[in-house]
C-alpha atoms as a PDB file:
ATOM      1  CA  MET A   1       0.057  -0.130   0.140  1.00  0.00           C
ATOM      2  CA  MET A   2       1.073   3.494  -1.130  1.00  0.00           C
ATOM      3  CA  THR A   3       1.461   6.236   1.949  1.00  0.00           C
ATOM      4  CA  GLN A   4       0.195   9.325   0.487  1.00  0.00           C
ATOM      5  CA  VAL A   5       3.000  12.246   0.993  1.00  0.00           C
ATOM      6  CA  SER A   6       1.930  15.566   2.177  1.00  0.00           C
ATOM      7  CA  PHE A   7       3.791  18.626   2.017  1.00  0.00           C
ATOM      8  CA  SER A   8       2.940  22.115   3.387  1.00  0.00           C
ATOM      9  CA  GLY A   9       2.005  24.570   0.213  1.00  0.00           C
ATOM     10  CA  ASP A  10       1.505  21.230  -1.493  1.00  0.00           C
ATOM     11  CA  CYS A  11      -2.321  21.335  -1.595  1.00  0.00           C
ATOM     12  CA  ILE A  12      -4.931  23.164  -3.573  1.00  0.00           C
ATOM     13  CA  VAL A  13      -5.988  26.560  -2.495  1.00  0.00           C
ATOM     14  CA  ASP A  14      -9.224  28.803  -3.371  1.00  0.00           C
ATOM     15  CA  SER A  15      -8.423  31.258  -6.514  1.00  0.00           C
ATOM     16  CA  GLU A  16      -5.369  28.773  -7.760  1.00  0.00           C
ATOM     17  CA  LEU A  17      -4.302  28.033 -11.492  1.00  0.00           C
ATOM     18  CA  ALA A  18      -4.602  24.828 -12.137  1.00  0.00           C
ATOM     19  CA  LEU A  19      -3.966  22.213 -15.266  1.00  0.00           C
ATOM     20  CA  LEU A  20      -6.159  19.739 -15.463  1.00  0.00           C
ATOM     21  CA  VAL A  21      -5.287  16.716 -17.878  1.00  0.00           C
ATOM     22  CA  ASP A  22      -8.201  13.911 -18.906  1.00  0.00           C
ATOM     23  CA  GLU A  23      -7.790  10.174 -19.688  1.00  0.00           C
ATOM     24  CA  ARG A  24      -7.428  11.328 -23.355  1.00  0.00           C
ATOM     25  CA  GLY A  25      -4.240  13.585 -22.732  1.00  0.00           C
ATOM     26  CA  ASP A  26      -6.724  16.699 -23.041  1.00  0.00           C
ATOM     27  CA  GLU A  27      -5.515  19.731 -20.806  1.00  0.00           C
ATOM     28  CA  TYR A  28      -7.254  22.471 -19.600  1.00  0.00           C
ATOM     29  CA  VAL A  29      -5.748  25.258 -17.463  1.00  0.00           C
ATOM     30  CA  VAL A  30      -8.752  27.064 -15.392  1.00  0.00           C
ATOM     31  CA  ARG A  31      -8.687  28.813 -12.572  1.00  0.00           C
ATOM     32  CA  LEU A  32     -10.096  27.351  -9.194  1.00  0.00           C
ATOM     33  CA  GLN A  33     -13.009  29.763  -8.026  1.00  0.00           C
ATOM     34  CA  ALA A  34     -15.225  27.958  -4.772  1.00  0.00           C
ATOM     35  CA  GLY A  35     -18.267  27.470  -5.584  1.00  0.00           C
ATOM     36  CA  GLY A  36     -17.844  27.420  -9.757  1.00  0.00           C
ATOM     37  CA  ARG A  37     -16.940  23.882 -11.826  1.00  0.00           C
ATOM     38  CA  PHE A  38     -15.355  23.270 -15.019  1.00  0.00           C
ATOM     39  CA  ASP A  39     -18.029  21.627 -17.690  1.00  0.00           C
ATOM     40  CA  THR A  40     -16.615  19.626 -20.927  1.00  0.00           C
ATOM     41  CA  HIS A  41     -18.288  16.975 -22.965  1.00  0.00           C
ATOM     42  CA  HIS A  42     -16.593  14.101 -20.401  1.00  0.00           C
ATOM     43  CA  GLY A  43     -18.957  15.787 -17.435  1.00  0.00           C
ATOM     44  CA  PHE A  44     -18.467  18.304 -14.740  1.00  0.00           C
ATOM     45  CA  LEU A  45     -15.830  19.000 -12.170  1.00  0.00           C
ATOM     46  CA  ARG A  46     -16.773  20.881  -8.920  1.00  0.00           C
ATOM     47  CA  TYR A  47     -13.769  22.808  -7.697  1.00  0.00           C
ATOM     48  CA  ASP A  48     -15.276  23.085  -3.889  1.00  0.00           C
ATOM     49  CA  ASP A  49     -13.935  19.238  -4.834  1.00  0.00           C
ATOM     50  CA  LEU A  50     -10.925  19.929  -5.103  1.00  0.00           C
ATOM     51  CA  ILE A  51      -9.752  23.062  -3.277  1.00  0.00           C
ATOM     52  CA  GLY A  52      -7.822  21.364  -0.398  1.00  0.00           C
ATOM     53  CA  ARG A  53      -6.705  18.035  -2.178  1.00  0.00           C
ATOM     54  CA  PRO A  54      -2.916  17.681  -3.074  1.00  0.00           C
ATOM     55  CA  TRP A  55      -1.533  18.572  -6.372  1.00  0.00           C
ATOM     56  CA  GLY A  56      -0.876  15.819  -8.314  1.00  0.00           C
ATOM     57  CA  SER A  57      -4.485  13.984  -7.187  1.00  0.00           C
ATOM     58  CA  VAL A  58      -6.070  11.959  -9.658  1.00  0.00           C
ATOM     59  CA  VAL A  59     -10.336  12.923  -9.718  1.00  0.00           C
ATOM     60  CA  SER A  60     -13.629  12.059 -11.502  1.00  0.00           C
ATOM     61  CA  SER A  61     -16.167  13.580 -13.309  1.00  0.00           C
ATOM     62  CA  SER A  62     -19.609  13.927 -13.098  1.00  0.00           C
ATOM     63  CA  LEU A  63     -19.442  10.888 -15.968  1.00  0.00           C
ATOM     64  CA  GLY A  64     -16.966   9.037 -14.089  1.00  0.00           C
ATOM     65  CA  VAL A  65     -13.847  10.624 -16.276  1.00  0.00           C
ATOM     66  CA  LEU A  66     -10.687  10.683 -14.629  1.00  0.00           C
ATOM     67  CA  PHE A  67      -8.461  13.917 -14.286  1.00  0.00           C
ATOM     68  CA  VAL A  68      -5.206  14.812 -12.978  1.00  0.00           C
ATOM     69  CA  VAL A  69      -5.030  17.726 -11.269  1.00  0.00           C
ATOM     70  CA  VAL A  70      -1.661  19.518 -11.579  1.00  0.00           C
ATOM     71  CA  ARG A  71       0.338  22.888 -10.705  1.00  0.00           C
ATOM     72  CA  PRO A  72       1.119  24.474 -14.897  1.00  0.00           C
ATOM     73  CA  SER A  73       3.949  25.298 -15.748  1.00  0.00           C
ATOM     74  CA  THR A  74       4.997  28.428 -17.716  1.00  0.00           C
ATOM     75  CA  ALA A  75       5.032  26.156 -20.742  1.00  0.00           C
ATOM     76  CA  ASP A  76       1.558  25.234 -20.226  1.00  0.00           C
ATOM     77  CA  LEU A  77       0.299  28.509 -19.487  1.00  0.00           C
ATOM     78  CA  ILE A  78       2.290  29.935 -23.113  1.00  0.00           C
ATOM     79  CA  ARG A  79       0.272  26.497 -24.975  1.00  0.00           C
ATOM     80  CA  HIS A  80      -3.135  27.552 -23.563  1.00  0.00           C
ATOM     81  CA  ILE A  81      -3.106  31.223 -24.061  1.00  0.00           C
ATOM     82  CA  LYS A  82      -5.328  33.130 -25.857  1.00  0.00           C
ATOM     83  CA  ARG A  83      -3.942  33.776 -29.215  1.00  0.00           C
ATOM     84  CA  SER A  84      -4.532  36.333 -32.432  1.00  0.00           C
ATOM     85  CA  SER A  85      -1.204  35.135 -33.741  1.00  0.00           C
ATOM     86  CA  GLN A  86       1.217  32.656 -33.929  1.00  0.00           C
ATOM     87  CA  VAL A  87       2.900  32.578 -29.880  1.00  0.00           C
ATOM     88  CA  ILE A  88       7.124  31.629 -30.179  1.00  0.00           C
ATOM     89  CA  PHE A  89       7.251  28.173 -28.776  1.00  0.00           C
ATOM     90  CA  PRO A  90       8.249  27.176 -25.059  1.00  0.00           C
ATOM     91  CA  LYS A  91      11.195  25.348 -26.731  1.00  0.00           C
ATOM     92  CA  ASP A  92      12.153  28.493 -27.944  1.00  0.00           C
ATOM     93  CA  SER A  93      11.399  31.275 -25.617  1.00  0.00           C
ATOM     94  CA  ALA A  94      12.983  29.113 -22.874  1.00  0.00           C
ATOM     95  CA  TYR A  95      16.415  29.343 -25.131  1.00  0.00           C
ATOM     96  CA  ILE A  96      15.659  33.314 -25.396  1.00  0.00           C
ATOM     97  CA  LEU A  97      15.405  33.318 -21.890  1.00  0.00           C
ATOM     98  CA  MET A  98      18.834  31.573 -21.349  1.00  0.00           C
ATOM     99  CA  ARG A  99      20.782  33.359 -23.924  1.00  0.00           C
ATOM    100  CA  LEU A 100      20.008  37.298 -23.101  1.00  0.00           C
ATOM    101  CA  ASN A 101      20.149  36.474 -19.517  1.00  0.00           C
ATOM    102  CA  VAL A 102      16.972  36.900 -18.103  1.00  0.00           C
ATOM    103  CA  LYS A 103      17.000  36.536 -14.764  1.00  0.00           C
ATOM    104  CA  PRO A 104      15.561  38.130 -11.255  1.00  0.00           C
ATOM    105  CA  GLY A 105      15.797  41.826 -11.179  1.00  0.00           C
ATOM    106  CA  ALA A 106      16.394  42.041 -15.390  1.00  0.00           C
ATOM    107  CA  ARG A 107      15.026  44.834 -17.164  1.00  0.00           C
ATOM    108  CA  VAL A 108      13.869  43.464 -20.482  1.00  0.00           C
ATOM    109  CA  LEU A 109      12.631  45.362 -24.183  1.00  0.00           C
ATOM    110  CA  GLU A 110      10.637  43.265 -26.438  1.00  0.00           C
ATOM    111  CA  SER A 111       9.235  44.509 -29.042  1.00  0.00           C
ATOM    112  CA  GLY A 112       5.913  42.983 -31.153  1.00  0.00           C
ATOM    113  CA  CYS A 113       4.475  41.095 -28.068  1.00  0.00           C
ATOM    114  CA  GLY A 114       1.845  39.136 -30.682  1.00  0.00           C
ATOM    115  CA  SER A 115      -0.340  37.030 -28.053  1.00  0.00           C
ATOM    116  CA  GLY A 116       1.883  37.511 -25.108  1.00  0.00           C
ATOM    117  CA  GLY A 117       3.573  34.063 -24.942  1.00  0.00           C
ATOM    118  CA  LEU A 118       7.466  35.292 -25.155  1.00  0.00           C
ATOM    119  CA  THR A 119       6.150  38.400 -23.118  1.00  0.00           C
ATOM    120  CA  LEU A 120       4.172  35.614 -20.344  1.00  0.00           C
ATOM    121  CA  ALA A 121       7.363  33.713 -19.811  1.00  0.00           C
ATOM    122  CA  LEU A 122      10.019  36.979 -19.460  1.00  0.00           C
ATOM    123  CA  ALA A 123       7.574  38.513 -16.835  1.00  0.00           C
ATOM    124  CA  THR A 124       8.348  34.864 -14.808  1.00  0.00           C
ATOM    125  CA  ALA A 125      12.015  35.026 -15.397  1.00  0.00           C
ATOM    126  CA  VAL A 126      12.320  38.552 -13.731  1.00  0.00           C
ATOM    127  CA  MET A 127      10.004  38.614 -11.005  1.00  0.00           C
ATOM    128  CA  PRO A 128       9.732  40.163  -8.391  1.00  0.00           C
ATOM    129  CA  HIS A 129      12.231  42.830  -8.959  1.00  0.00           C
ATOM    130  CA  GLY A 130      12.565  43.208 -12.758  1.00  0.00           C
ATOM    131  CA  HIS A 131      10.344  44.732 -15.514  1.00  0.00           C
ATOM    132  CA  VAL A 132       9.395  43.919 -19.170  1.00  0.00           C
ATOM    133  CA  PHE A 133       8.466  46.423 -21.361  1.00  0.00           C
ATOM    134  CA  SER A 134       6.743  45.502 -24.486  1.00  0.00           C
ATOM    135  CA  GLN A 135       6.350  47.796 -27.295  1.00  0.00           C
ATOM    136  CA  GLU A 136       3.787  47.294 -29.909  1.00  0.00           C
ATOM    137  CA  ILE A 137       2.085  48.877 -32.788  1.00  0.00           C
ATOM    138  CA  ARG A 138      -1.130  47.022 -32.861  1.00  0.00           C
ATOM    139  CA  GLU A 139      -3.284  47.832 -30.384  1.00  0.00           C
ATOM    140  CA  ASP A 140      -5.586  44.927 -30.710  1.00  0.00           C
ATOM    141  CA  PHE A 141      -2.112  42.915 -29.808  1.00  0.00           C
ATOM    142  CA  ILE A 142      -1.201  44.468 -26.510  1.00  0.00           C
ATOM    143  CA  GLU A 143      -4.973  44.244 -25.240  1.00  0.00           C
ATOM    144  CA  LEU A 144      -5.087  40.837 -25.505  1.00  0.00           C
ATOM    145  CA  ALA A 145      -1.543  40.316 -24.176  1.00  0.00           C
ATOM    146  CA  ARG A 146      -2.541  42.245 -21.502  1.00  0.00           C
ATOM    147  CA  ARG A 147      -5.858  39.730 -20.676  1.00  0.00           C
ATOM    148  CA  ASN A 148      -3.446  36.603 -21.168  1.00  0.00           C
ATOM    149  CA  LEU A 149      -0.667  38.368 -18.508  1.00  0.00           C
ATOM    150  CA  ALA A 150      -3.370  39.246 -16.091  1.00  0.00           C
ATOM    151  CA  ARG A 151      -5.158  36.047 -16.588  1.00  0.00           C
ATOM    152  CA  VAL A 152      -2.341  34.539 -14.690  1.00  0.00           C
ATOM    153  CA  GLY A 153      -1.391  37.655 -12.566  1.00  0.00           C
ATOM    154  CA  LEU A 154       1.556  38.845 -13.953  1.00  0.00           C
ATOM    155  CA  GLN A 155       0.241  42.078 -14.917  1.00  0.00           C
ATOM    156  CA  GLU A 156       2.617  44.420 -12.777  1.00  0.00           C
ATOM    157  CA  TYR A 157       5.639  43.158 -13.863  1.00  0.00           C
ATOM    158  CA  VAL A 158       4.716  44.325 -17.561  1.00  0.00           C
ATOM    159  CA  THR A 159       4.583  47.999 -19.580  1.00  0.00           C
ATOM    160  CA  PHE A 160       2.877  47.787 -22.574  1.00  0.00           C
ATOM    161  CA  ILE A 161       3.827  50.682 -24.965  1.00  0.00           C
ATOM    162  CA  HIS A 162       1.894  50.970 -28.556  1.00  0.00           C
ATOM    163  CA  ALA A 163       4.076  52.803 -30.461  1.00  0.00           C
ATOM    164  CA  ASP A 164       5.997  51.767 -33.952  1.00  0.00           C
ATOM    165  CA  GLY A 165       9.915  49.959 -32.851  1.00  0.00           C
ATOM    166  CA  ARG A 166      11.367  51.757 -36.353  1.00  0.00           C
ATOM    167  CA  GLN A 167      10.737  55.183 -34.379  1.00  0.00           C
ATOM    168  CA  GLY A 168      12.616  54.458 -31.183  1.00  0.00           C
ATOM    169  CA  PHE A 169      11.608  52.916 -28.323  1.00  0.00           C
ATOM    170  CA  GLN A 170      10.220  54.294 -25.365  1.00  0.00           C
ATOM    171  CA  VAL A 171      11.983  53.413 -22.254  1.00  0.00           C
ATOM    172  CA  ASP A 172      13.277  55.946 -19.838  1.00  0.00           C
ATOM    173  CA  ALA A 173      16.174  53.996 -19.250  1.00  0.00           C
ATOM    174  CA  PRO A 174      18.756  51.156 -20.103  1.00  0.00           C
ATOM    175  CA  VAL A 175      17.915  47.977 -20.548  1.00  0.00           C
ATOM    176  CA  ASP A 176      19.727  44.778 -19.574  1.00  0.00           C
ATOM    177  CA  ALA A 177      18.127  42.935 -22.788  1.00  0.00           C
ATOM    178  CA  VAL A 178      16.312  43.368 -25.906  1.00  0.00           C
ATOM    179  CA  PHE A 179      14.338  40.929 -28.372  1.00  0.00           C
ATOM    180  CA  LEU A 180      12.324  41.679 -31.612  1.00  0.00           C
ATOM    181  CA  ASP A 181       9.527  39.732 -33.161  1.00  0.00           C
ATOM    182  CA  MET A 182       8.699  41.384 -36.410  1.00  0.00           C
ATOM    183  CA  PRO A 183       8.759  40.621 -39.535  1.00  0.00           C
ATOM    184  CA  GLN A 184      11.814  43.586 -40.249  1.00  0.00           C
ATOM    185  CA  PRO A 185      13.509  43.463 -37.524  1.00  0.00           C
ATOM    186  CA  GLU A 186      16.408  45.045 -39.275  1.00  0.00           C
ATOM    187  CA  THR A 187      14.866  48.396 -39.306  1.00  0.00           C
ATOM    188  CA  CYS A 188      14.986  48.811 -35.653  1.00  0.00           C
ATOM    189  CA  VAL A 189      18.733  47.473 -35.091  1.00  0.00           C
ATOM    190  CA  GLN A 190      19.460  51.386 -34.184  1.00  0.00           C
ATOM    191  CA  ALA A 191      16.940  52.018 -31.558  1.00  0.00           C
ATOM    192  CA  ALA A 192      17.794  48.538 -30.113  1.00  0.00           C
ATOM    193  CA  ARG A 193      20.969  49.514 -29.534  1.00  0.00           C
ATOM    194  CA  ALA A 194      19.904  53.104 -27.530  1.00  0.00           C
ATOM    195  CA  ALA A 195      18.440  51.372 -25.741  1.00  0.00           C
ATOM    196  CA  LEU A 196      20.609  48.602 -24.154  1.00  0.00           C
ATOM    197  CA  ARG A 197      23.225  48.986 -22.080  1.00  0.00           C
ATOM    198  CA  PRO A 198      26.512  48.283 -23.079  1.00  0.00           C
ATOM    199  CA  GLY A 199      27.437  44.825 -23.353  1.00  0.00           C
ATOM    200  CA  GLY A 200      23.765  44.332 -23.131  1.00  0.00           C
ATOM    201  CA  PHE A 201      21.782  40.819 -24.970  1.00  0.00           C
ATOM    202  CA  PHE A 202      20.133  41.364 -28.488  1.00  0.00           C
ATOM    203  CA  GLY A 203      17.759  38.553 -29.804  1.00  0.00           C
ATOM    204  CA  ALA A 204      15.403  37.778 -32.428  1.00  0.00           C
ATOM    205  CA  LEU A 205      13.344  35.461 -34.647  1.00  0.00           C
ATOM    206  CA  VAL A 206      12.697  35.341 -38.077  1.00  0.00           C
ATOM    207  CA  PRO A 207      10.953  32.385 -40.066  1.00  0.00           C
ATOM    208  CA  THR A 208      12.941  32.623 -43.198  1.00  0.00           C
ATOM    209  CA  THR A 209      16.893  32.443 -44.668  1.00  0.00           C
ATOM    210  CA  ASN A 210      16.456  36.428 -46.316  1.00  0.00           C
ATOM    211  CA  GLN A 211      14.961  38.038 -43.225  1.00  0.00           C
ATOM    212  CA  VAL A 212      18.312  36.341 -41.354  1.00  0.00           C
ATOM    213  CA  SER A 213      20.426  37.665 -44.082  1.00  0.00           C
ATOM    214  CA  ASN A 214      18.429  41.485 -43.676  1.00  0.00           C
ATOM    215  CA  LEU A 215      19.227  41.388 -39.820  1.00  0.00           C
ATOM    216  CA  LEU A 216      22.642  40.303 -40.776  1.00  0.00           C
ATOM    217  CA  ARG A 217      23.846  42.782 -42.566  1.00  0.00           C
ATOM    218  CA  ALA A 218      22.285  45.570 -40.193  1.00  0.00           C
ATOM    219  CA  LEU A 219      23.495  44.414 -36.494  1.00  0.00           C
ATOM    220  CA  PRO A 220      27.022  44.969 -37.050  1.00  0.00           C
ATOM    221  CA  GLN A 221      26.560  48.748 -38.441  1.00  0.00           C
ATOM    222  CA  ALA A 222      24.522  49.377 -35.561  1.00  0.00           C
ATOM    223  CA  SER A 223      27.809  48.197 -33.145  1.00  0.00           C
ATOM    224  CA  PHE A 224      26.796  44.563 -32.332  1.00  0.00           C
ATOM    225  CA  GLY A 225      29.097  41.764 -32.831  1.00  0.00           C
ATOM    226  CA  LEU A 226      29.520  38.254 -30.974  1.00  0.00           C
ATOM    227  CA  VAL A 227      26.699  37.870 -33.487  1.00  0.00           C
ATOM    228  CA  GLU A 228      25.173  33.988 -34.029  1.00  0.00           C
ATOM    229  CA  VAL A 229      22.267  32.614 -35.906  1.00  0.00           C
ATOM    230  CA  GLU A 230      20.878  29.303 -34.030  1.00  0.00           C
ATOM    231  CA  GLU A 231      17.253  26.788 -35.063  1.00  0.00           C
ATOM    232  CA  ILE A 232      16.176  24.490 -32.294  1.00  0.00           C
ATOM    233  CA  LEU A 233      14.238  21.232 -32.964  1.00  0.00           C
ATOM    234  CA  LEU A 234      12.129  19.518 -30.812  1.00  0.00           C
ATOM    235  CA  ARG A 235      10.928  15.895 -31.327  1.00  0.00           C
ATOM    236  CA  ARG A 236       9.067  14.249 -28.787  1.00  0.00           C
ATOM    237  CA  TYR A 237       8.490  10.310 -28.108  1.00  0.00           C
ATOM    238  CA  LYS A 238       5.337   7.788 -27.016  1.00  0.00           C
ATOM    239  CA  PRO A 239       6.519   7.311 -23.309  1.00  0.00           C
ATOM    240  CA  VAL A 240       5.298   3.532 -23.954  1.00  0.00           C
ATOM    241  CA  PRO A 241       8.398   1.648 -22.361  1.00  0.00           C
ATOM    242  CA  ASP A 242       7.182  -1.895 -25.025  1.00  0.00           C
ATOM    243  CA  ARG A 243       7.285   0.498 -27.856  1.00  0.00           C
ATOM    244  CA  LEU A 244       9.264   3.497 -27.600  1.00  0.00           C
ATOM    245  CA  ARG A 245       9.521   5.401 -30.999  1.00  0.00           C
ATOM    246  CA  PRO A 246       8.979   9.353 -31.774  1.00  0.00           C
ATOM    247  CA  HIS A 247       5.677  10.671 -32.624  1.00  0.00           C
ATOM    248  CA  ASP A 248       4.275  10.954 -35.852  1.00  0.00           C
ATOM    249  CA  ARG A 249       4.559  14.768 -35.772  1.00  0.00           C
ATOM    250  CA  MET A 250       7.406  16.505 -34.263  1.00  0.00           C
ATOM    251  CA  ILE A 251       7.552  20.757 -33.725  1.00  0.00           C
ATOM    252  CA  ALA A 252      10.516  21.277 -36.155  1.00  0.00           C
ATOM    253  CA  HIS A 253      10.815  24.696 -37.600  1.00  0.00           C
ATOM    254  CA  THR A 254       9.251  27.677 -35.901  1.00  0.00           C
ATOM    255  CA  GLY A 255      11.790  29.992 -36.646  1.00  0.00           C
ATOM    256  CA  TYR A 256      15.637  31.349 -37.001  1.00  0.00           C
ATOM    257  CA  LEU A 257      17.234  32.570 -33.903  1.00  0.00           C
ATOM    258  CA  ILE A 258      19.923  35.441 -34.085  1.00  0.00           C
ATOM    259  CA  PHE A 259      21.791  36.476 -30.957  1.00  0.00           C
ATOM    260  CA  ALA A 260      24.174  39.699 -30.293  1.00  0.00           C
ATOM    261  CA  ARG A 261      26.041  41.732 -28.018  1.00  0.00           C
ATOM    262  CA  ALA A 262      26.050  45.197 -27.702  1.00  0.00           C
ATOM    263  CA  LEU A 263      28.966  46.274 -28.065  1.00  0.00           C
ATOM    264  CA  VAL A 264      31.096  50.386 -27.513  1.00  0.00           C
ATOM    265  CA  ASN A 265      32.634  49.848 -31.043  1.00  0.00           C
ATOM    266  CA  PRO A 266      31.973  48.443 -33.847  1.00  0.00           C
ATOM    267  CA  LEU A 267      33.677  45.023 -34.548  1.00  0.00           C
ATOM    268  CA  PRO A 268      35.208  44.349 -37.876  1.00  0.00           C
ATOM    269  CA  GLU A 269      33.769  42.313 -40.315  1.00  0.00           C
ATOM    270  CA  SER A 270      37.332  40.483 -40.590  1.00  0.00           C
ATOM    271  CA  ALA A 271      36.768  39.659 -36.538  1.00  0.00           C
ATOM    272  CA  GLN A 272      33.787  38.294 -36.711  1.00  0.00           C
ATOM    273  CA  ALA A 273      34.463  36.589 -39.404  1.00  0.00           C
ATOM    274  CA  ALA A 274      37.322  35.102 -37.646  1.00  0.00           C
ATOM    275  CA  ARG A 275      35.579  34.055 -35.108  1.00  0.00           C
ATOM    276  CA  ASP A 276      32.534  32.691 -37.364  1.00  0.00           C
ATOM    277  CA  ILE A 277      35.872  30.353 -39.273  1.00  0.00           C
ATOM    278  CA  ALA A 278      37.290  29.276 -35.545  1.00  0.00           C
ATOM    279  CA  ALA A 279      33.580  28.465 -34.394  1.00  0.00           C
ATOM    280  CA  PRO A 280      34.182  24.886 -32.470  1.00  0.00           C
ATOM    281  CA  THR A 281      33.253  21.270 -34.571  1.00  0.00           C
ATOM    282  CA  GLU A 282      30.609  18.587 -33.705  1.00  0.00           C
ATOM    283  CA  GLU A 283      34.031  17.139 -33.202  1.00  0.00           C
ATOM    284  CA  ASP A 284      35.526  19.705 -30.812  1.00  0.00           C
ATOM    285  CA  GLU A 285      32.622  19.619 -28.126  1.00  0.00           C
ATOM    286  CA  ALA A 286      32.751  16.064 -28.026  1.00  0.00           C
ATOM    287  CA  ALA A 287      36.315  16.370 -26.962  1.00  0.00           C
ATOM    288  CA  ASP A 288      35.676  18.988 -24.847  1.00  0.00           C
ATOM    289  CA  ARG A 289      33.383  16.646 -22.780  1.00  0.00           C
ATOM    290  CA  VAL A 290      35.833  13.853 -22.632  1.00  0.00           C
ATOM    291  CA  GLN A 291      38.195  15.453 -21.488  1.00  0.00           C
ATOM    292  CA  VAL A 292      35.909  17.079 -18.537  1.00  0.00           C
END
């Protein structure tokens, strides 16, 4: 017989967000309000029956369908936000946070909030003392992103700015990192450099190679260096021990990621070219791992 382990703070409380996963793997992010209930074609769940239970509980709907109740991760919240445009997938947003050195207390500027997927990830990473400035040219995107942030309780960490990044970024002091998610990021690199502190982190995402080329030409002209272009592919496997195999579909190309650093003086093209030629190969990196 298994012993039920319970720790302080491990039980569901009123008004918390929860991820409900049914027997077929369908997922729902809901806020568990006392007195309310969650209705699906699989029956309903009364929130009062969930509040007070430990996270990770398996509960039955009114029709006998089983649901697992867990806390939603940042990735879950991004995947389930209401959207009017393509969001940056968790596989990319998590890596973006690492490459831009986004951590508690950081000040980050993004241009192009879309539905607020990356905004949510940035806000989660900079809290409780940092801040995100999200500048967007479309008011409807701002309103949707603001609602999505408010739904998960992160609105206080984000300031939305309705303005065109090509005319400059409206931040009152240098930021630690800038990320551009727009069709023509090369038109905003000068403004991005002006908003960044010396040595600050720059990132952008574009879906096509010609957009990458345009940005690569513009970055050195704005005193950006240490430029890198990357792509992340994610392959999931079916977690069945006796017949482990990849899922039939995978999230492959979602966009090209471009990263750079804000320099005080422009880096000569020859220096960047030499750095690219000397970049470690897969064999070099494997040898490094063996040495470690």
